Protein backbone atom coordinates (compact mmCIF):
# COMPACT_ATOMS: atom_id res chain seq x y z
CA MET A 1 77.14 -107.09 116.72
CA ILE A 2 79.99 -105.01 115.27
CA ALA A 3 77.35 -102.90 113.47
CA VAL A 4 75.30 -102.30 116.47
CA LEU A 5 78.13 -101.24 118.25
CA ALA A 6 78.95 -99.04 115.64
CA PHE A 7 75.44 -97.35 115.37
CA TYR A 8 75.68 -96.43 119.05
CA LEU A 9 79.32 -94.97 118.26
CA PHE A 10 78.30 -92.70 115.81
CA ALA A 11 75.03 -91.82 116.81
CA THR A 12 76.29 -90.89 120.48
CA LEU A 13 78.91 -88.84 118.42
CA THR A 14 76.69 -87.39 116.17
CA ILE A 15 74.10 -86.20 119.22
CA ALA A 16 77.27 -84.80 121.70
CA SER A 17 79.01 -83.16 118.31
CA ALA A 18 75.45 -81.31 117.74
CA VAL A 19 75.38 -80.06 121.32
CA ALA A 20 78.98 -79.05 121.20
CA VAL A 21 78.00 -76.85 118.00
CA ILE A 22 75.49 -75.15 120.19
CA PHE A 23 77.13 -74.51 123.65
CA ALA A 24 80.69 -73.83 121.92
CA ARG A 25 81.58 -69.95 123.04
CA ASN A 26 84.13 -69.82 119.80
CA PRO A 27 82.44 -69.64 116.54
CA VAL A 28 85.21 -71.45 114.99
CA HIS A 29 84.92 -74.13 117.24
CA SER A 30 81.31 -74.72 116.61
CA VAL A 31 82.16 -75.00 113.16
CA LEU A 32 84.98 -77.84 113.47
CA TRP A 33 81.90 -79.85 115.87
CA LEU A 34 79.61 -79.24 112.92
CA ILE A 35 82.07 -81.01 110.68
CA MET A 36 82.56 -83.73 113.20
CA ALA A 37 78.67 -84.31 113.15
CA PHE A 38 78.71 -84.74 109.58
CA PHE A 39 81.36 -86.99 109.50
CA ASN A 40 79.02 -89.05 112.35
CA ALA A 41 76.12 -88.62 110.05
CA ALA A 42 77.77 -90.18 107.17
CA GLY A 43 79.02 -93.36 109.07
CA LEU A 44 74.96 -93.78 109.97
CA MET A 45 74.25 -93.69 106.41
CA LEU A 46 76.91 -96.11 105.63
CA LEU A 47 75.19 -98.74 108.15
CA LEU A 48 72.08 -98.08 106.75
CA GLY A 49 73.39 -98.91 102.86
CA ALA A 50 72.90 -95.27 101.44
CA GLU A 51 76.37 -95.05 100.61
CA PHE A 52 75.53 -92.14 98.11
CA ILE A 53 74.20 -89.83 100.88
CA ALA A 54 77.01 -90.29 103.28
CA MET A 55 79.35 -89.35 99.97
CA LEU A 56 77.27 -86.34 99.66
CA LEU A 57 77.56 -85.66 103.87
CA VAL A 58 81.62 -85.83 103.34
CA ILE A 59 82.26 -84.43 99.54
CA VAL A 60 79.26 -81.56 99.36
CA TYR A 61 78.44 -80.37 103.62
CA VAL A 62 81.79 -81.10 105.16
CA GLY A 63 84.24 -80.02 101.96
CA ALA A 64 82.34 -77.32 100.59
CA VAL A 65 79.55 -75.84 102.86
CA ALA A 66 81.28 -76.24 106.39
CA VAL A 67 84.66 -75.17 105.27
CA LEU A 68 83.04 -72.29 103.70
CA PHE A 69 81.41 -71.41 107.02
CA LEU A 70 84.76 -71.69 108.90
CA PHE A 71 86.30 -69.19 106.23
CA ILE A 72 83.58 -66.90 106.46
CA VAL A 73 83.41 -66.98 110.69
CA MET A 74 87.57 -66.52 110.45
CA MET A 75 87.91 -63.79 108.25
CA LEU A 76 84.55 -61.24 109.10
CA ASN A 77 85.39 -59.20 112.12
CA ILE A 78 82.28 -59.63 113.66
CA ASP A 79 81.31 -58.43 117.19
CA PHE A 80 79.76 -61.43 119.15
CA ALA A 81 79.33 -59.39 122.16
CA ALA A 82 76.57 -57.40 120.27
CA LEU A 83 74.91 -60.18 119.11
CA ARG A 84 74.96 -61.83 122.21
CA SER A 85 73.33 -58.65 124.03
CA GLY A 86 70.34 -59.22 121.69
CA PHE A 87 69.60 -62.53 123.34
CA SER A 88 66.85 -61.18 125.76
CA LYS A 89 64.87 -59.41 122.79
CA ASN A 90 64.86 -62.48 120.24
CA LEU A 91 63.90 -65.09 123.47
CA PRO A 92 59.99 -65.08 123.07
CA PHE A 93 60.58 -65.72 118.98
CA GLY A 94 63.23 -68.48 119.79
CA LEU A 95 61.10 -70.00 122.22
CA ILE A 96 57.93 -70.49 119.50
CA ILE A 97 60.54 -71.92 117.24
CA ALA A 98 61.64 -74.44 119.74
CA LEU A 99 58.14 -75.40 120.71
CA VAL A 100 57.28 -75.53 116.92
CA LEU A 101 60.32 -78.05 116.49
CA LEU A 102 59.72 -80.04 119.80
CA ALA A 103 55.51 -80.44 118.37
CA GLU A 104 57.11 -81.65 114.94
CA MET A 105 59.20 -84.36 117.01
CA VAL A 106 56.65 -85.71 119.04
CA VAL A 107 54.32 -86.13 115.83
CA ALA A 108 57.76 -87.82 114.35
CA VAL A 109 58.18 -90.00 117.33
CA SER A 110 54.07 -91.04 117.37
CA ALA A 111 54.28 -91.89 113.75
CA TRP A 112 57.34 -94.23 113.93
CA LYS A 113 55.96 -95.65 116.90
CA ALA A 114 52.54 -96.37 114.78
CA GLY A 115 54.28 -98.31 112.52
CA PRO A 116 55.56 -98.32 108.54
CA VAL A 117 53.51 -96.67 105.96
CA THR A 118 53.66 -99.45 103.97
CA GLY A 119 51.59 -101.66 106.27
CA GLY A 120 54.51 -103.95 107.08
CA VAL A 121 55.33 -104.66 103.39
CA GLN A 122 59.27 -105.13 103.30
CA PRO A 123 60.74 -103.55 100.14
CA ALA A 124 62.13 -106.42 97.79
CA ALA A 125 65.84 -107.21 98.10
CA THR A 126 67.92 -106.43 95.56
CA THR A 127 71.94 -107.75 94.71
CA GLN A 128 72.14 -103.90 92.71
CA PRO A 129 74.13 -101.14 94.82
CA ASN A 130 72.34 -98.33 96.02
CA ILE A 131 74.64 -96.01 93.78
CA GLU A 132 74.23 -98.05 90.82
CA ALA A 133 70.50 -98.14 90.60
CA LEU A 134 70.70 -94.41 91.66
CA GLY A 135 72.84 -93.58 88.96
CA GLU A 136 70.23 -95.57 86.07
CA LEU A 137 67.32 -94.16 87.42
CA LEU A 138 68.94 -90.54 87.15
CA TYR A 139 70.01 -90.89 83.83
CA SER A 140 67.18 -92.98 82.11
CA ARG A 141 63.55 -91.45 84.00
CA PHE A 142 65.12 -88.41 85.17
CA LEU A 143 67.50 -87.03 82.62
CA PHE A 144 65.41 -84.50 81.67
CA PRO A 145 64.81 -82.83 85.14
CA PHE A 146 68.59 -83.50 86.00
CA GLU A 147 69.45 -81.28 82.78
CA ILE A 148 66.99 -78.70 83.46
CA ALA A 149 68.51 -78.67 87.20
CA GLY A 150 72.43 -78.01 85.96
CA LEU A 151 71.24 -75.27 83.24
CA ILE A 152 69.36 -73.49 85.84
CA LEU A 153 72.64 -73.58 88.28
CA LEU A 154 74.51 -72.41 85.15
CA VAL A 155 72.43 -69.41 84.62
CA ALA A 156 72.40 -68.65 88.35
CA MET A 157 75.90 -68.49 88.33
CA ILE A 158 76.54 -66.55 85.45
CA GLY A 159 74.01 -64.15 86.78
CA ALA A 160 75.31 -63.91 90.07
CA ILE A 161 78.94 -62.61 88.29
CA VAL A 162 77.34 -60.06 85.85
CA LEU A 163 75.22 -58.92 89.53
CA THR A 164 78.31 -58.67 91.36
CA HIS A 165 81.06 -57.45 88.70
CA ARG A 166 81.84 -53.88 88.82
CA SER A 167 84.49 -52.07 86.58
CA ARG A 168 86.65 -49.84 88.73
CA GLY A 169 88.36 -46.66 87.31
CA ASP A 170 91.41 -46.99 89.21
CA ALA A 171 91.86 -50.40 87.73
CA ARG A 172 94.12 -50.91 84.39
CA GLY A 173 92.46 -53.53 82.23
CA GLN A 174 94.72 -55.36 79.33
CA LYS A 175 94.78 -53.98 76.38
CA VAL A 176 95.30 -56.85 73.42
CA TRP A 177 95.08 -54.88 70.44
CA ARG A 178 97.50 -52.17 71.70
CA GLN A 179 99.85 -55.30 72.54
CA VAL A 180 99.29 -56.60 68.90
CA ASP A 181 99.93 -53.52 67.11
CA ARG A 182 103.15 -52.36 68.95
CA ARG A 183 105.80 -51.72 67.03
CA PRO A 184 109.66 -53.06 67.99
CA ASP A 185 111.08 -49.51 67.92
CA GLU A 186 108.52 -48.41 70.53
CA ALA A 187 109.15 -51.46 72.48
CA ILE A 188 111.31 -51.85 75.69
CA LYS A 189 114.65 -53.16 74.94
CA LEU A 190 116.52 -55.52 77.24
CA GLU A 191 120.20 -54.92 77.77
CA GLN A 192 122.89 -56.31 79.83
CA PRO A 193 125.88 -54.31 79.87
CA LYS A 194 129.27 -55.09 81.06
CA VAL A 195 130.69 -54.14 84.30
CA GLY A 196 132.10 -50.57 84.12
CA GLU A 197 129.72 -49.68 81.03
CA GLY A 198 126.54 -47.85 80.74
CA VAL A 199 123.81 -48.78 78.79
CA LYS A 200 123.97 -47.23 75.00
CA LEU A 201 120.98 -44.84 74.07
């Protein structure tokens, strides 16, 4: 009974948050509603026993993506009046996208009502937790693709840094070799003169 109530609570809040994301006039409020939708979706994943996906929703999407969106929206000076002025121009394309999404939802609901793809065969029950089974599979059978994916992300990160790095002419960089080769008589000497006395040159 508690699980059913929790499901309807999380589902209702997820749908309400998604609607608020679309109809909120303030973009910052839209991002905050999106964070709430992610949290409620994570609650639904916990009810389904998918703890790993729930943690991904909270850590990756809420902790990184949504916060990044929030900072971008707050830091950029976007003229939202100019964006809304082009609503009528982009309306036909938006209606086409909406019709495509509606057709996909109708197909998905029809396939769901048709029954499971496995022909009614239930998966075998297991006592192993979901995260433990995923970790064993990821670091045994799919270890090589996992390492390759990490290497590709590392190369992409280094490439992005190299492409965006620009040397500025007005910035003074640190020259370590000049600091190491300096002589004591050329260095600035810190003096603490007494009251009423000047610095001896």
